[in-house]
Amino acid sequence: MNVLLGGFVIFATFVTLCNASCYVIPNEGVPGDSTRECTDLEGNKHPINSKWQTDNCETCSCYETEIFCCTLVSTPVGYDKNNCQRIFKKEDCKYFVVEKKDPKKTCSVSQWII
């Protein structure tokens, strides 16, 4: 019983710490349809149990009943907003925080959110 309770506490801690932005799209299959694929929001088809990365910096997984997607982007929030600015590079799915006066210099970031 203690192992089960301990496992639950650890799981609850990770769920609390993980504040990922995710969503689910129901996979609307027709009963008796043997096509084993999902259709994403752009209309692209993906095989069941496959994973892919979208152009919007999300990672998605196709399951028999749903598509599950989560963002890959962490957003900087703990930095000097008066002297620094964040810049998003879509090709890397990343924010960089640089000085406003000298964008070649990076700024320190103490907090990120997903």
Protein backbone atom coordinates (compact mmCIF):
# COMPACT_ATOMS: atom_id res chain seq x y z
CA MET A 1 0.00 0.00 0.00
CA ASN A 2 2.87 2.40 0.84
CA VAL A 3 4.46 1.74 -2.55
CA LEU A 4 1.19 2.60 -4.29
CA LEU A 5 0.77 5.76 -2.24
CA GLY A 6 4.40 6.76 -2.84
CA GLY A 7 3.99 6.20 -6.58
CA PHE A 8 0.86 8.35 -6.61
CA VAL A 9 2.65 11.19 -4.78
CA ILE A 10 5.52 11.10 -7.29
CA PHE A 11 3.07 11.03 -10.22
CA ALA A 12 1.07 13.94 -8.78
CA THR A 13 4.27 15.93 -8.31
CA PHE A 14 5.30 15.46 -11.94
CA VAL A 15 1.82 16.35 -13.20
CA THR A 16 1.94 19.54 -11.12
CA LEU A 17 5.42 20.46 -12.36
CA CYS A 18 4.63 19.66 -15.97
CA ASN A 19 2.48 22.49 -17.21
CA ALA A 20 2.72 21.55 -20.87
CA SER A 21 0.27 22.97 -23.34
CA CYS A 22 -1.39 19.92 -24.90
CA TYR A 23 -4.63 19.08 -26.65
CA VAL A 24 -6.48 16.01 -27.92
CA ILE A 25 -8.26 15.57 -31.25
CA PRO A 26 -10.71 12.64 -31.36
CA ASN A 27 -9.90 10.17 -34.13
CA GLU A 28 -13.28 9.74 -35.72
CA GLY A 29 -13.16 6.37 -37.40
CA VAL A 30 -16.07 4.71 -39.10
CA PRO A 31 -17.07 1.38 -37.54
CA GLY A 32 -15.70 -1.44 -39.68
CA ASP A 33 -13.26 0.90 -41.45
CA SER A 34 -9.90 -0.82 -41.59
CA THR A 35 -7.86 2.30 -42.41
CA ARG A 36 -5.37 2.58 -39.58
CA GLU A 37 -4.59 6.30 -39.64
CA CYS A 38 -5.32 9.69 -38.11
CA THR A 39 -6.05 12.95 -39.91
CA ASP A 40 -4.45 16.03 -38.31
CA LEU A 41 -5.80 19.60 -38.31
CA GLU A 42 -4.11 20.35 -41.66
CA GLY A 43 -5.73 17.28 -43.29
CA ASN A 44 -2.52 15.22 -43.34
CA LYS A 45 -2.86 11.49 -42.66
CA HIS A 46 -0.62 9.63 -40.20
CA PRO A 47 -0.45 5.91 -39.39
CA ILE A 48 -1.70 4.63 -36.01
CA ASN A 49 1.10 4.69 -33.37
CA SER A 50 3.15 7.25 -35.31
CA LYS A 51 4.66 10.53 -34.07
CA TRP A 52 5.48 13.72 -35.94
CA GLN A 53 6.38 17.36 -35.44
CA THR A 54 4.12 20.08 -36.84
CA ASP A 55 5.10 23.36 -38.46
CA ASN A 56 3.68 25.04 -35.33
CA CYS A 57 6.36 23.52 -33.07
CA GLU A 58 4.20 20.76 -31.63
CA THR A 59 4.84 17.05 -31.33
CA CYS A 60 1.85 14.83 -32.05
CA SER A 61 1.06 11.15 -31.67
CA CYS A 62 -1.62 9.18 -33.50
CA TYR A 63 -3.57 6.59 -31.52
CA GLU A 64 -6.61 4.52 -32.50
CA THR A 65 -9.00 6.85 -30.66
CA GLU A 66 -7.21 10.21 -30.74
CA ILE A 67 -4.38 12.47 -31.79
CA PHE A 68 -2.47 13.88 -28.82
CA CYS A 69 -0.33 17.01 -29.38
CA CYS A 70 1.90 19.09 -27.09
CA THR A 71 3.94 22.21 -27.69
CA LEU A 72 7.71 21.94 -27.92
CA VAL A 73 8.21 25.62 -27.07
CA SER A 74 9.38 26.82 -23.67
CA THR A 75 8.70 30.52 -23.14
CA PRO A 76 11.13 32.62 -21.09
CA VAL A 77 9.43 34.63 -18.34
CA GLY A 78 12.14 35.25 -15.75
CA TYR A 79 14.46 37.81 -17.34
CA ASP A 80 15.14 41.57 -17.25
CA LYS A 81 12.32 42.82 -19.49
CA ASN A 82 13.61 46.42 -19.39
CA ASN A 83 17.01 45.60 -20.88
CA CYS A 84 16.32 42.33 -22.70
CA GLN A 85 13.94 41.00 -25.32
CA ARG A 86 12.89 37.52 -26.36
CA ILE A 87 13.17 36.46 -29.98
CA PHE A 88 11.42 33.38 -31.37
CA LYS A 89 13.22 31.31 -34.00
CA LYS A 90 10.58 29.10 -35.59
CA GLU A 91 13.11 26.93 -37.42
CA ASP A 92 14.50 25.87 -34.01
CA CYS A 93 11.18 26.10 -32.10
CA LYS A 94 13.08 28.12 -29.49
CA TYR A 95 13.08 31.50 -27.80
CA PHE A 96 16.36 33.33 -27.32
CA VAL A 97 16.68 36.22 -24.88
CA VAL A 98 19.11 38.95 -25.91
CA GLU A 99 19.99 42.47 -24.86
CA LYS A 100 17.93 45.19 -26.51
CA LYS A 101 20.97 47.43 -27.02
CA ASP A 102 23.25 44.63 -28.26
CA PRO A 103 21.32 41.64 -29.66
CA LYS A 104 24.59 39.71 -29.98
CA LYS A 105 24.69 39.36 -26.17
CA THR A 106 22.40 36.88 -24.44
CA CYS A 107 20.56 37.61 -21.22
CA SER A 108 20.20 35.39 -18.19
CA VAL A 109 16.82 33.61 -17.84
CA SER A 110 15.71 32.26 -14.47
CA GLN A 111 12.27 30.88 -15.40
CA TRP A 112 10.69 29.19 -18.39
CA ILE A 113 7.13 27.99 -18.92
CA ILE A 114 5.78 25.42 -21.35
